[in-house]
């Protein structure tokens, strides 16, 4: 539910220290509620979350949002856009104050050409995303809404997180009404 990548964060922190005077590599802070990436706009930087929590989501034409993932320390943003030279695939919003290592896209591409370790860590992160997305997709297709809500509540408790009902519904890909119905059903079972 809350994705982190401490290995990637450590690598980027070390890279930042060795490049801290490079104007294309900076430490930035985003206040709660701000958009780090906006769906459909050109990306100008790649960011690695140093601290804080974000939500990554699609805004659909029908006005509904679908949360892909909640991201935190060490997760990379804007990498696909930099690699493929595309506009931002989705929105990334700060749920708390967020501090990121911000890397200009051209500099990021240069680093990709020169740094084998960066490539290996990025490939590992991308493979992890594919695995997580596949597992989550299969769970949502194969189990009931009640089961998915119960699992989500357990994850929130275990990770000591508190998300709004709207975010929970958007993460599960269900309506707020369906979420409330499932929550009521679960509370009646207890």
N, C-alpha and C. Protein backbone atom coordinates (compact mmCIF):
# COMPACT_ATOMS: atom_id res chain seq x y z
N UNK A 1 0.82 -1.20 0.00
CA UNK A 1 0.00 0.00 0.00
C UNK A 1 0.86 1.26 0.00
N UNK A 2 1.76 1.38 0.94
CA UNK A 2 2.68 2.52 0.96
C UNK A 2 4.03 2.02 0.48
N UNK A 3 4.40 2.44 -0.70
CA UNK A 3 5.63 1.95 -1.32
C UNK A 3 6.82 2.81 -0.91
N UNK A 4 7.89 2.14 -0.55
CA UNK A 4 9.16 2.80 -0.23
C UNK A 4 10.27 2.05 -0.95
N UNK A 5 11.40 2.72 -1.09
CA UNK A 5 12.57 2.08 -1.72
C UNK A 5 13.83 2.64 -1.05
N UNK A 6 14.18 2.12 0.14
CA UNK A 6 15.32 2.65 0.89
C UNK A 6 16.65 2.51 0.15
N UNK A 7 16.81 1.47 -0.64
CA UNK A 7 18.06 1.27 -1.39
C UNK A 7 18.25 2.38 -2.42
N UNK A 8 17.17 2.69 -3.14
CA UNK A 8 17.25 3.75 -4.14
C UNK A 8 17.48 5.10 -3.47
N UNK A 9 16.81 5.32 -2.34
CA UNK A 9 17.00 6.58 -1.61
C UNK A 9 18.45 6.76 -1.19
N UNK A 10 19.06 5.72 -0.64
CA UNK A 10 20.45 5.80 -0.21
C UNK A 10 21.37 6.13 -1.38
N UNK A 11 21.13 5.49 -2.52
CA UNK A 11 21.93 5.74 -3.70
C UNK A 11 21.81 7.21 -4.14
N UNK A 12 20.57 7.72 -4.18
CA UNK A 12 20.34 9.11 -4.61
C UNK A 12 20.93 10.09 -3.61
N UNK A 13 20.83 9.80 -2.32
CA UNK A 13 21.42 10.67 -1.31
C UNK A 13 22.93 10.76 -1.51
N UNK A 14 23.57 9.64 -1.76
CA UNK A 14 25.01 9.63 -2.01
C UNK A 14 25.35 10.40 -3.29
N UNK A 15 24.54 10.20 -4.31
CA UNK A 15 24.74 10.91 -5.58
C UNK A 15 24.56 12.41 -5.39
N UNK A 16 23.58 12.79 -4.59
CA UNK A 16 23.32 14.21 -4.32
C UNK A 16 24.51 14.85 -3.60
N UNK A 17 25.04 14.17 -2.61
CA UNK A 17 26.18 14.71 -1.87
C UNK A 17 27.36 14.94 -2.82
N UNK A 18 27.58 14.00 -3.74
CA UNK A 18 28.71 14.16 -4.66
C UNK A 18 28.42 15.16 -5.78
N UNK A 19 27.15 15.52 -5.97
CA UNK A 19 26.77 16.46 -7.04
C UNK A 19 26.04 17.69 -6.51
N UNK A 20 26.16 17.99 -5.23
CA UNK A 20 25.31 19.02 -4.65
C UNK A 20 25.54 20.42 -5.21
N UNK A 21 26.63 20.63 -5.90
CA UNK A 21 26.86 21.95 -6.49
C UNK A 21 26.40 21.99 -7.95
N UNK A 22 25.86 20.89 -8.43
CA UNK A 22 25.35 20.85 -9.79
C UNK A 22 23.96 21.48 -9.80
N UNK A 23 23.75 22.49 -10.62
CA UNK A 23 22.48 23.24 -10.63
C UNK A 23 21.29 22.40 -11.06
N UNK A 24 21.51 21.26 -11.69
CA UNK A 24 20.41 20.41 -12.16
C UNK A 24 19.96 19.40 -11.11
N UNK A 25 20.56 19.42 -9.92
CA UNK A 25 20.27 18.44 -8.87
C UNK A 25 20.03 19.23 -7.58
N UNK A 26 18.80 19.22 -7.07
CA UNK A 26 18.48 20.06 -5.91
C UNK A 26 17.56 19.32 -4.94
N UNK A 27 17.49 19.85 -3.74
CA UNK A 27 16.57 19.35 -2.72
C UNK A 27 15.41 20.35 -2.66
N UNK A 28 14.18 19.86 -2.87
CA UNK A 28 13.00 20.74 -2.91
C UNK A 28 11.97 20.27 -1.89
N UNK A 29 11.16 21.19 -1.43
CA UNK A 29 10.07 20.86 -0.51
C UNK A 29 8.75 21.25 -1.15
N UNK A 30 7.78 20.34 -1.03
CA UNK A 30 6.43 20.56 -1.55
C UNK A 30 5.46 20.52 -0.37
N UNK A 31 4.62 21.54 -0.21
CA UNK A 31 3.67 21.52 0.90
C UNK A 31 2.52 20.53 0.64
N UNK A 32 1.93 20.08 1.72
CA UNK A 32 0.77 19.19 1.65
C UNK A 32 -0.27 19.77 0.69
N UNK A 33 -0.80 18.93 -0.18
CA UNK A 33 -1.84 19.35 -1.12
C UNK A 33 -1.33 19.79 -2.48
N UNK A 34 -0.04 19.99 -2.62
CA UNK A 34 0.49 20.45 -3.92
C UNK A 34 0.72 19.26 -4.85
N UNK A 35 0.71 19.56 -6.15
CA UNK A 35 0.94 18.53 -7.17
C UNK A 35 2.41 18.53 -7.56
N UNK A 36 3.07 17.41 -7.37
CA UNK A 36 4.46 17.27 -7.80
C UNK A 36 4.51 17.00 -9.30
N UNK A 37 3.56 16.25 -9.79
CA UNK A 37 3.40 15.99 -11.23
C UNK A 37 1.92 16.17 -11.57
N UNK A 38 1.66 16.74 -12.74
CA UNK A 38 0.28 16.95 -13.17
C UNK A 38 0.03 16.20 -14.47
N UNK A 39 -0.93 15.33 -14.43
CA UNK A 39 -1.29 14.49 -15.57
C UNK A 39 -1.48 15.34 -16.83
N UNK A 40 -0.83 14.91 -17.92
CA UNK A 40 -0.98 15.57 -19.21
C UNK A 40 -0.06 16.75 -19.45
N UNK A 41 0.74 17.13 -18.46
CA UNK A 41 1.67 18.25 -18.65
C UNK A 41 3.09 17.71 -18.85
N UNK A 42 3.93 18.55 -19.38
CA UNK A 42 5.31 18.15 -19.61
C UNK A 42 6.07 18.05 -18.28
N UNK A 43 6.81 16.99 -18.13
CA UNK A 43 7.65 16.83 -16.95
C UNK A 43 8.97 17.56 -17.20
N UNK A 44 9.46 18.24 -16.18
CA UNK A 44 10.74 18.96 -16.31
C UNK A 44 11.80 18.42 -15.36
N UNK A 45 11.40 17.48 -14.50
CA UNK A 45 12.33 16.93 -13.54
C UNK A 45 11.91 15.51 -13.16
N UNK A 46 12.87 14.80 -12.64
CA UNK A 46 12.64 13.50 -12.02
C UNK A 46 12.85 13.75 -10.53
N UNK A 47 11.99 13.18 -9.72
CA UNK A 47 12.09 13.40 -8.28
C UNK A 47 12.18 12.07 -7.54
N UNK A 48 12.96 12.07 -6.47
CA UNK A 48 13.03 10.92 -5.58
C UNK A 48 12.63 11.42 -4.20
N UNK A 49 11.62 10.79 -3.63
CA UNK A 49 11.08 11.25 -2.35
C UNK A 49 12.08 10.97 -1.23
N UNK A 50 12.45 12.04 -0.55
CA UNK A 50 13.34 11.92 0.61
C UNK A 50 12.52 11.64 1.87
N UNK A 51 11.40 12.39 2.01
CA UNK A 51 10.51 12.17 3.14
C UNK A 51 9.12 12.68 2.79
N UNK A 52 8.13 12.06 3.42
CA UNK A 52 6.74 12.45 3.18
C UNK A 52 5.98 11.35 2.43
N UNK A 53 4.69 11.62 2.25
CA UNK A 53 3.81 10.65 1.58
C UNK A 53 3.07 11.35 0.45
N UNK A 54 3.00 10.67 -0.70
CA UNK A 54 2.28 11.17 -1.87
C UNK A 54 1.28 10.12 -2.33
N UNK A 55 0.32 10.58 -3.13
CA UNK A 55 -0.54 9.62 -3.80
C UNK A 55 -0.40 9.85 -5.30
N UNK A 56 -0.30 8.75 -6.01
CA UNK A 56 -0.14 8.76 -7.46
C UNK A 56 -1.47 8.27 -8.03
N UNK A 57 -2.11 9.11 -8.88
CA UNK A 57 -3.45 8.74 -9.35
C UNK A 57 -3.74 9.27 -10.75
N UNK A 58 -4.65 8.55 -11.41
CA UNK A 58 -5.20 8.98 -12.69
C UNK A 58 -6.46 9.76 -12.43
N UNK A 59 -6.65 10.87 -13.13
CA UNK A 59 -7.93 11.56 -13.14
C UNK A 59 -8.60 11.19 -14.46
N UNK A 60 -9.74 10.55 -14.37
CA UNK A 60 -10.44 10.08 -15.55
C UNK A 60 -11.37 11.16 -16.11
N UNK A 61 -11.78 10.97 -17.35
CA UNK A 61 -12.65 11.94 -18.02
C UNK A 61 -13.99 12.09 -17.33
N UNK A 62 -14.44 11.05 -16.59
CA UNK A 62 -15.72 11.12 -15.89
C UNK A 62 -15.63 11.86 -14.55
N UNK A 63 -14.45 12.44 -14.28
CA UNK A 63 -14.27 13.20 -13.05
C UNK A 63 -13.82 12.37 -11.85
N UNK A 64 -13.67 11.08 -12.05
CA UNK A 64 -13.26 10.21 -10.95
C UNK A 64 -11.75 10.00 -10.98
N UNK A 65 -11.21 9.76 -9.81
CA UNK A 65 -9.78 9.48 -9.67
C UNK A 65 -9.59 8.00 -9.35
N UNK A 66 -8.48 7.45 -9.81
CA UNK A 66 -8.09 6.09 -9.46
C UNK A 66 -6.68 6.15 -8.93
N UNK A 67 -6.51 5.82 -7.66
CA UNK A 67 -5.19 5.87 -7.03
C UNK A 67 -4.41 4.61 -7.41
N UNK A 68 -3.27 4.84 -8.01
CA UNK A 68 -2.40 3.75 -8.41
C UNK A 68 -1.63 3.24 -7.20
N UNK A 69 -1.08 4.20 -6.45
CA UNK A 69 -0.25 3.81 -5.31
C UNK A 69 0.00 5.02 -4.41
N UNK A 70 0.29 4.72 -3.15
CA UNK A 70 0.78 5.72 -2.21
C UNK A 70 2.29 5.53 -2.16
N UNK A 71 3.03 6.62 -2.33
CA UNK A 71 4.49 6.55 -2.45
C UNK A 71 5.15 7.35 -1.34
N UNK A 72 6.30 6.84 -0.88
CA UNK A 72 7.04 7.52 0.18
C UNK A 72 8.54 7.39 -0.08
N UNK A 73 9.32 7.39 0.96
CA UNK A 73 10.78 7.49 0.89
C UNK A 73 11.41 6.55 -0.15
N UNK A 74 12.19 7.17 -1.05
CA UNK A 74 12.95 6.42 -2.04
C UNK A 74 12.23 6.14 -3.34
N UNK A 75 10.95 6.45 -3.41
CA UNK A 75 10.22 6.21 -4.65
C UNK A 75 10.52 7.32 -5.65
N UNK A 76 10.61 6.93 -6.91
CA UNK A 76 11.00 7.85 -7.97
C UNK A 76 9.76 8.28 -8.76
N UNK A 77 9.72 9.55 -9.12
CA UNK A 77 8.61 10.14 -9.86
C UNK A 77 9.14 10.80 -11.13
N UNK A 78 8.42 10.63 -12.21
CA UNK A 78 8.81 11.27 -13.47
C UNK A 78 9.81 10.49 -14.28
N UNK A 79 10.18 9.31 -13.82
CA UNK A 79 11.18 8.51 -14.52
C UNK A 79 10.66 8.00 -15.87
N UNK A 80 9.43 7.52 -15.90
CA UNK A 80 8.88 7.03 -17.16
C UNK A 80 8.76 8.17 -18.17
N UNK A 81 8.34 9.31 -17.69
CA UNK A 81 8.21 10.47 -18.57
C UNK A 81 9.56 10.89 -19.14
N UNK A 82 10.61 10.81 -18.31
CA UNK A 82 11.95 11.17 -18.77
C UNK A 82 12.49 10.15 -19.77
N UNK A 83 12.28 8.88 -19.49
CA UNK A 83 12.79 7.83 -20.36
C UNK A 83 12.07 7.85 -21.71
N UNK A 84 10.75 8.00 -21.67
CA UNK A 84 9.96 7.92 -22.90
C UNK A 84 9.71 9.27 -23.55
N UNK A 85 10.12 10.35 -22.89
CA UNK A 85 9.90 11.71 -23.38
C UNK A 85 8.42 11.97 -23.62
N UNK A 86 7.61 11.59 -22.63
CA UNK A 86 6.15 11.76 -22.67
C UNK A 86 5.71 12.81 -21.66
N UNK A 87 4.46 13.24 -21.81
CA UNK A 87 3.84 14.08 -20.78
C UNK A 87 3.55 13.20 -19.57
N UNK A 88 3.25 13.82 -18.46
CA UNK A 88 3.00 13.09 -17.22
C UNK A 88 1.81 12.16 -17.38
N UNK A 89 2.03 10.92 -17.05
CA UNK A 89 1.03 9.88 -17.16
C UNK A 89 -0.08 10.06 -16.12
N UNK A 90 0.27 10.57 -14.95
CA UNK A 90 -0.70 10.69 -13.86
C UNK A 90 -0.35 11.88 -12.97
N UNK A 91 -1.20 12.12 -11.99
CA UNK A 91 -0.95 13.14 -10.98
C UNK A 91 -0.22 12.52 -9.80
N UNK A 92 0.63 13.31 -9.17
CA UNK A 92 1.24 12.91 -7.90
C UNK A 92 1.04 14.09 -6.95
N UNK A 93 0.28 13.83 -5.88
CA UNK A 93 -0.08 14.87 -4.92
C UNK A 93 0.54 14.59 -3.56
N UNK A 94 1.03 15.64 -2.92
CA UNK A 94 1.61 15.53 -1.58
C UNK A 94 0.48 15.39 -0.56
N UNK A 95 0.47 14.28 0.18
CA UNK A 95 -0.50 14.08 1.25
C UNK A 95 0.02 14.64 2.57
N UNK A 96 1.32 14.78 2.65
CA UNK A 96 1.98 15.44 3.78
C UNK A 96 2.98 16.41 3.15
N UNK A 97 3.65 17.22 3.94
CA UNK A 97 4.77 17.97 3.38
C UNK A 97 5.78 16.95 2.86
N UNK A 98 6.30 17.19 1.67
CA UNK A 98 7.17 16.22 1.02
C UNK A 98 8.47 16.91 0.63
N UNK A 99 9.57 16.23 0.90
CA UNK A 99 10.89 16.71 0.47
C UNK A 99 11.42 15.72 -0.56
N UNK A 100 11.89 16.25 -1.69
CA UNK A 100 12.37 15.39 -2.78
C UNK A 100 13.74 15.84 -3.26
N UNK A 101 14.48 14.88 -3.79
CA UNK A 101 15.67 15.20 -4.57
C UNK A 101 15.15 15.41 -5.98
N UNK A 102 15.37 16.58 -6.52
CA UNK A 102 14.85 16.96 -7.82
C UNK A 102 15.99 17.00 -8.83
N UNK A 103 15.81 16.26 -9.93
CA UNK A 103 16.85 16.14 -10.94
C UNK A 103 16.29 16.59 -12.28
N UNK A 104 16.92 17.56 -12.89
CA UNK A 104 16.54 18.02 -14.22
C UNK A 104 16.54 16.82 -15.18
N UNK A 105 15.54 16.75 -16.06
CA UNK A 105 15.40 15.59 -16.95
C UNK A 105 16.62 15.38 -17.83
N UNK A 106 17.17 16.43 -18.39
CA UNK A 106 18.36 16.25 -19.25
C UNK A 106 19.53 15.69 -18.45
N UNK A 107 19.69 16.16 -17.22
CA UNK A 107 20.76 15.64 -16.37
C UNK A 107 20.49 14.19 -15.99
N UNK A 108 19.23 13.87 -15.72
CA UNK A 108 18.85 12.49 -15.39
C UNK A 108 19.19 11.57 -16.57
N UNK A 109 18.88 12.00 -17.77
CA UNK A 109 19.20 11.18 -18.95
C UNK A 109 20.70 10.99 -19.10
N UNK A 110 21.48 12.02 -18.80
CA UNK A 110 22.94 11.91 -18.84
C UNK A 110 23.41 10.90 -17.80
N UNK A 111 22.85 10.97 -16.60
CA UNK A 111 23.20 10.01 -15.55
C UNK A 111 22.87 8.58 -15.98
N UNK A 112 21.74 8.40 -16.64
CA UNK A 112 21.35 7.06 -17.11
C UNK A 112 22.37 6.49 -18.09
N UNK A 113 22.94 7.37 -18.91
CA UNK A 113 23.92 6.91 -19.89
C UNK A 113 25.26 6.56 -19.25
N UNK A 114 25.55 7.16 -18.10
CA UNK A 114 26.87 7.00 -17.50
C UNK A 114 26.93 6.09 -16.27
N UNK A 115 25.81 5.89 -15.59
CA UNK A 115 25.84 5.23 -14.29
C UNK A 115 25.12 3.88 -14.33
N UNK A 116 25.88 2.81 -14.36
CA UNK A 116 25.33 1.46 -14.41
C UNK A 116 24.51 1.14 -13.16
N UNK A 117 24.96 1.57 -12.00
CA UNK A 117 24.23 1.29 -10.76
C UNK A 117 22.85 1.96 -10.78
N UNK A 118 22.78 3.20 -11.27
CA UNK A 118 21.49 3.88 -11.39
C UNK A 118 20.57 3.07 -12.30
N UNK A 119 21.08 2.59 -13.40
CA UNK A 119 20.28 1.77 -14.31
C UNK A 119 19.77 0.51 -13.63
N UNK A 120 20.63 -0.16 -12.90
CA UNK A 120 20.23 -1.40 -12.22
C UNK A 120 19.15 -1.13 -11.17
N UNK A 121 19.34 -0.08 -10.39
CA UNK A 121 18.35 0.26 -9.36
C UNK A 121 17.02 0.68 -9.99
N UNK A 122 17.08 1.41 -11.08
CA UNK A 122 15.87 1.85 -11.76
C UNK A 122 15.13 0.64 -12.37
N UNK A 123 15.86 -0.27 -12.98
CA UNK A 123 15.24 -1.48 -13.51
C UNK A 123 14.57 -2.28 -12.40
N UNK A 124 15.23 -2.38 -11.26
CA UNK A 124 14.67 -3.09 -10.12
C UNK A 124 13.38 -2.41 -9.64
N UNK A 125 13.39 -1.08 -9.59
CA UNK A 125 12.20 -0.34 -9.16
C UNK A 125 11.06 -0.52 -10.15
N UNK A 126 11.35 -0.47 -11.44
CA UNK A 126 10.32 -0.65 -12.46
C UNK A 126 9.74 -2.06 -12.42
N UNK A 127 10.60 -3.05 -12.24
CA UNK A 127 10.12 -4.44 -12.13
C UNK A 127 9.22 -4.58 -10.90
N UNK A 128 9.59 -3.94 -9.82
CA UNK A 128 8.76 -3.97 -8.61
C UNK A 128 7.39 -3.38 -8.86
N UNK A 129 7.33 -2.31 -9.63
CA UNK A 129 6.03 -1.70 -9.95
C UNK A 129 5.15 -2.66 -10.74
N UNK A 130 5.74 -3.34 -11.70
CA UNK A 130 4.97 -4.30 -12.50
C UNK A 130 4.43 -5.41 -11.61
N UNK A 131 5.26 -5.94 -10.74
CA UNK A 131 4.84 -7.01 -9.84
C UNK A 131 3.73 -6.52 -8.92
N UNK A 132 3.91 -5.35 -8.29
CA UNK A 132 2.90 -4.82 -7.37
C UNK A 132 1.57 -4.57 -8.08
N UNK A 133 1.63 -4.00 -9.28
CA UNK A 133 0.42 -3.72 -10.03
C UNK A 133 -0.29 -5.01 -10.41
N UNK A 134 0.46 -6.01 -10.83
CA UNK A 134 -0.13 -7.30 -11.21
C UNK A 134 -0.80 -7.97 -10.01
N UNK A 135 -0.12 -7.97 -8.88
CA UNK A 135 -0.69 -8.59 -7.69
C UNK A 135 -1.96 -7.87 -7.24
N UNK A 136 -1.90 -6.55 -7.23
CA UNK A 136 -3.06 -5.77 -6.80
C UNK A 136 -4.23 -5.97 -7.75
N UNK A 137 -3.95 -5.98 -9.03
CA UNK A 137 -5.00 -6.17 -10.03
C UNK A 137 -5.67 -7.53 -9.87
N UNK A 138 -4.88 -8.56 -9.67
CA UNK A 138 -5.48 -9.90 -9.51
C UNK A 138 -6.31 -9.98 -8.24
N UNK A 139 -5.84 -9.38 -7.15
CA UNK A 139 -6.61 -9.39 -5.91
C UNK A 139 -7.94 -8.69 -6.08
N UNK A 140 -7.93 -7.56 -6.80
CA UNK A 140 -9.17 -6.80 -6.99
C UNK A 140 -10.15 -7.56 -7.88
N UNK A 141 -9.65 -8.37 -8.79
CA UNK A 141 -10.52 -9.13 -9.68
C UNK A 141 -11.04 -10.41 -9.04
N UNK A 142 -10.24 -11.02 -8.18
CA UNK A 142 -10.57 -12.35 -7.68
C UNK A 142 -11.28 -12.37 -6.33
N UNK A 143 -11.27 -11.27 -5.61
CA UNK A 143 -11.86 -11.24 -4.28
C UNK A 143 -12.99 -10.22 -4.21
N UNK A 144 -13.82 -10.36 -3.19
CA UNK A 144 -14.95 -9.46 -3.00
C UNK A 144 -14.47 -8.08 -2.53
N UNK A 145 -15.34 -7.11 -2.64
CA UNK A 145 -15.05 -5.76 -2.16
C UNK A 145 -14.81 -5.80 -0.65
N UNK A 146 -15.63 -6.59 0.06
CA UNK A 146 -15.46 -6.71 1.52
C UNK A 146 -14.05 -7.19 1.87
N UNK A 147 -13.58 -8.18 1.13
CA UNK A 147 -12.23 -8.71 1.38
C UNK A 147 -11.17 -7.63 1.10
N UNK A 148 -11.33 -6.90 0.00
CA UNK A 148 -10.37 -5.85 -0.35
C UNK A 148 -10.36 -4.74 0.71
N UNK A 149 -11.53 -4.36 1.18
CA UNK A 149 -11.62 -3.31 2.20
C UNK A 149 -10.98 -3.79 3.50
N UNK A 150 -11.25 -5.04 3.88
CA UNK A 150 -10.65 -5.59 5.10
C UNK A 150 -9.13 -5.59 5.00
N UNK A 151 -8.60 -6.02 3.85
CA UNK A 151 -7.14 -6.02 3.65
C UNK A 151 -6.57 -4.62 3.71
N UNK A 152 -7.26 -3.67 3.09
CA UNK A 152 -6.81 -2.28 3.10
C UNK A 152 -6.78 -1.73 4.52
N UNK A 153 -7.80 -2.01 5.30
CA UNK A 153 -7.83 -1.54 6.69
C UNK A 153 -6.70 -2.17 7.51
N UNK A 154 -6.43 -3.45 7.27
CA UNK A 154 -5.31 -4.12 7.96
C UNK A 154 -3.98 -3.49 7.59
N UNK A 155 -3.80 -3.18 6.31
CA UNK A 155 -2.56 -2.53 5.87
C UNK A 155 -2.41 -1.15 6.49
N UNK A 156 -3.50 -0.39 6.52
CA UNK A 156 -3.45 0.94 7.13
C UNK A 156 -3.04 0.84 8.59
N UNK A 157 -3.61 -0.11 9.30
CA UNK A 157 -3.28 -0.29 10.71
C UNK A 157 -1.82 -0.69 10.88
N UNK A 158 -1.39 -1.66 10.08
CA UNK A 158 -0.02 -2.15 10.18
C UNK A 158 1.00 -1.06 9.85
N UNK A 159 0.68 -0.22 8.86
CA UNK A 159 1.61 0.83 8.46
C UNK A 159 1.34 2.15 9.17
N UNK A 160 0.40 2.15 10.09
CA UNK A 160 0.04 3.32 10.87
C UNK A 160 -0.29 4.52 9.99
N UNK A 161 -1.18 4.29 9.03
CA UNK A 161 -1.61 5.32 8.10
C UNK A 161 -3.09 5.58 8.29
N UNK A 162 -3.52 6.77 7.90
CA UNK A 162 -4.93 7.11 7.98
C UNK A 162 -5.30 7.87 6.72
N UNK A 163 -6.04 7.20 5.83
CA UNK A 163 -6.46 7.83 4.59
C UNK A 163 -7.95 8.12 4.63
N UNK A 164 -8.35 9.12 3.88
CA UNK A 164 -9.76 9.47 3.81
C UNK A 164 -10.54 8.35 3.12
N UNK A 165 -11.83 8.34 3.35
CA UNK A 165 -12.68 7.35 2.68
C UNK A 165 -12.61 7.54 1.16
N UNK A 166 -12.54 8.77 0.73
CA UNK A 166 -12.46 9.05 -0.71
C UNK A 166 -11.20 8.42 -1.31
N UNK A 167 -10.07 8.57 -0.60
CA UNK A 167 -8.82 7.98 -1.09
C UNK A 167 -8.87 6.45 -1.03
N UNK A 168 -9.51 5.91 0.00
CA UNK A 168 -9.63 4.46 0.08
C UNK A 168 -10.45 3.92 -1.09
N UNK A 169 -11.56 4.59 -1.38
CA UNK A 169 -12.41 4.15 -2.49
C UNK A 169 -11.66 4.28 -3.82
N UNK A 170 -10.95 5.38 -3.99
CA UNK A 170 -10.20 5.59 -5.24
C UNK A 170 -9.07 4.57 -5.37
N UNK A 171 -8.48 4.17 -4.28
CA UNK A 171 -7.41 3.16 -4.31
C UNK A 171 -7.97 1.79 -4.69
N UNK A 172 -9.17 1.49 -4.21
CA UNK A 172 -9.80 0.20 -4.49
C UNK A 172 -10.54 0.19 -5.83
N UNK A 173 -10.73 1.37 -6.41
CA UNK A 173 -11.45 1.45 -7.69
C UNK A 173 -12.94 1.21 -7.53
N UNK A 174 -13.49 1.66 -6.39
CA UNK A 174 -14.92 1.49 -6.13
C UNK A 174 -15.52 2.85 -5.77
N UNK A 175 -16.84 2.90 -5.72
CA UNK A 175 -17.51 4.14 -5.33
C UNK A 175 -17.46 4.30 -3.81
N UNK A 176 -17.64 5.52 -3.37
CA UNK A 176 -17.70 5.79 -1.94
C UNK A 176 -18.88 5.04 -1.32
N UNK A 177 -19.96 4.94 -2.04
CA UNK A 177 -21.14 4.21 -1.56
C UNK A 177 -20.79 2.73 -1.33
N UNK A 178 -20.08 2.13 -2.28
CA UNK A 178 -19.67 0.72 -2.13
C UNK A 178 -18.74 0.54 -0.94
N UNK A 179 -17.83 1.51 -0.74
CA UNK A 179 -16.93 1.44 0.40
C UNK A 179 -17.71 1.52 1.70
N UNK A 180 -18.64 2.45 1.80
CA UNK A 180 -19.44 2.59 3.03
C UNK A 180 -20.26 1.32 3.30
N UNK A 181 -20.79 0.74 2.24
CA UNK A 181 -21.56 -0.50 2.40
C UNK A 181 -20.66 -1.63 2.91
N UNK A 182 -19.45 -1.72 2.37
CA UNK A 182 -18.50 -2.76 2.81
C UNK A 182 -18.06 -2.51 4.26
N UNK A 183 -17.81 -1.26 4.61
CA UNK A 183 -17.42 -0.94 5.99
C UNK A 183 -18.54 -1.29 6.97
N UNK A 184 -19.76 -1.01 6.57
CA UNK A 184 -20.90 -1.34 7.42
C UNK A 184 -21.00 -2.86 7.58
N UNK A 185 -20.86 -3.57 6.49
CA UNK A 185 -20.95 -5.04 6.52
C UNK A 185 -19.85 -5.62 7.41
N UNK A 186 -18.65 -5.10 7.30
CA UNK A 186 -17.53 -5.58 8.12
C UNK A 186 -17.77 -5.30 9.61
N UNK A 187 -18.31 -4.12 9.92
CA UNK A 187 -18.55 -3.79 11.32
C UNK A 187 -19.67 -4.66 11.91
N UNK A 188 -20.64 -5.05 11.07
CA UNK A 188 -21.71 -5.94 11.53
C UNK A 188 -21.19 -7.35 11.79
N UNK A 189 -20.16 -7.76 11.04
CA UNK A 189 -19.57 -9.09 11.21
C UNK A 189 -18.77 -9.19 12.52
N UNK A 190 -18.26 -8.06 12.98
CA UNK A 190 -17.43 -8.06 14.20
C UNK A 190 -18.27 -8.02 15.40
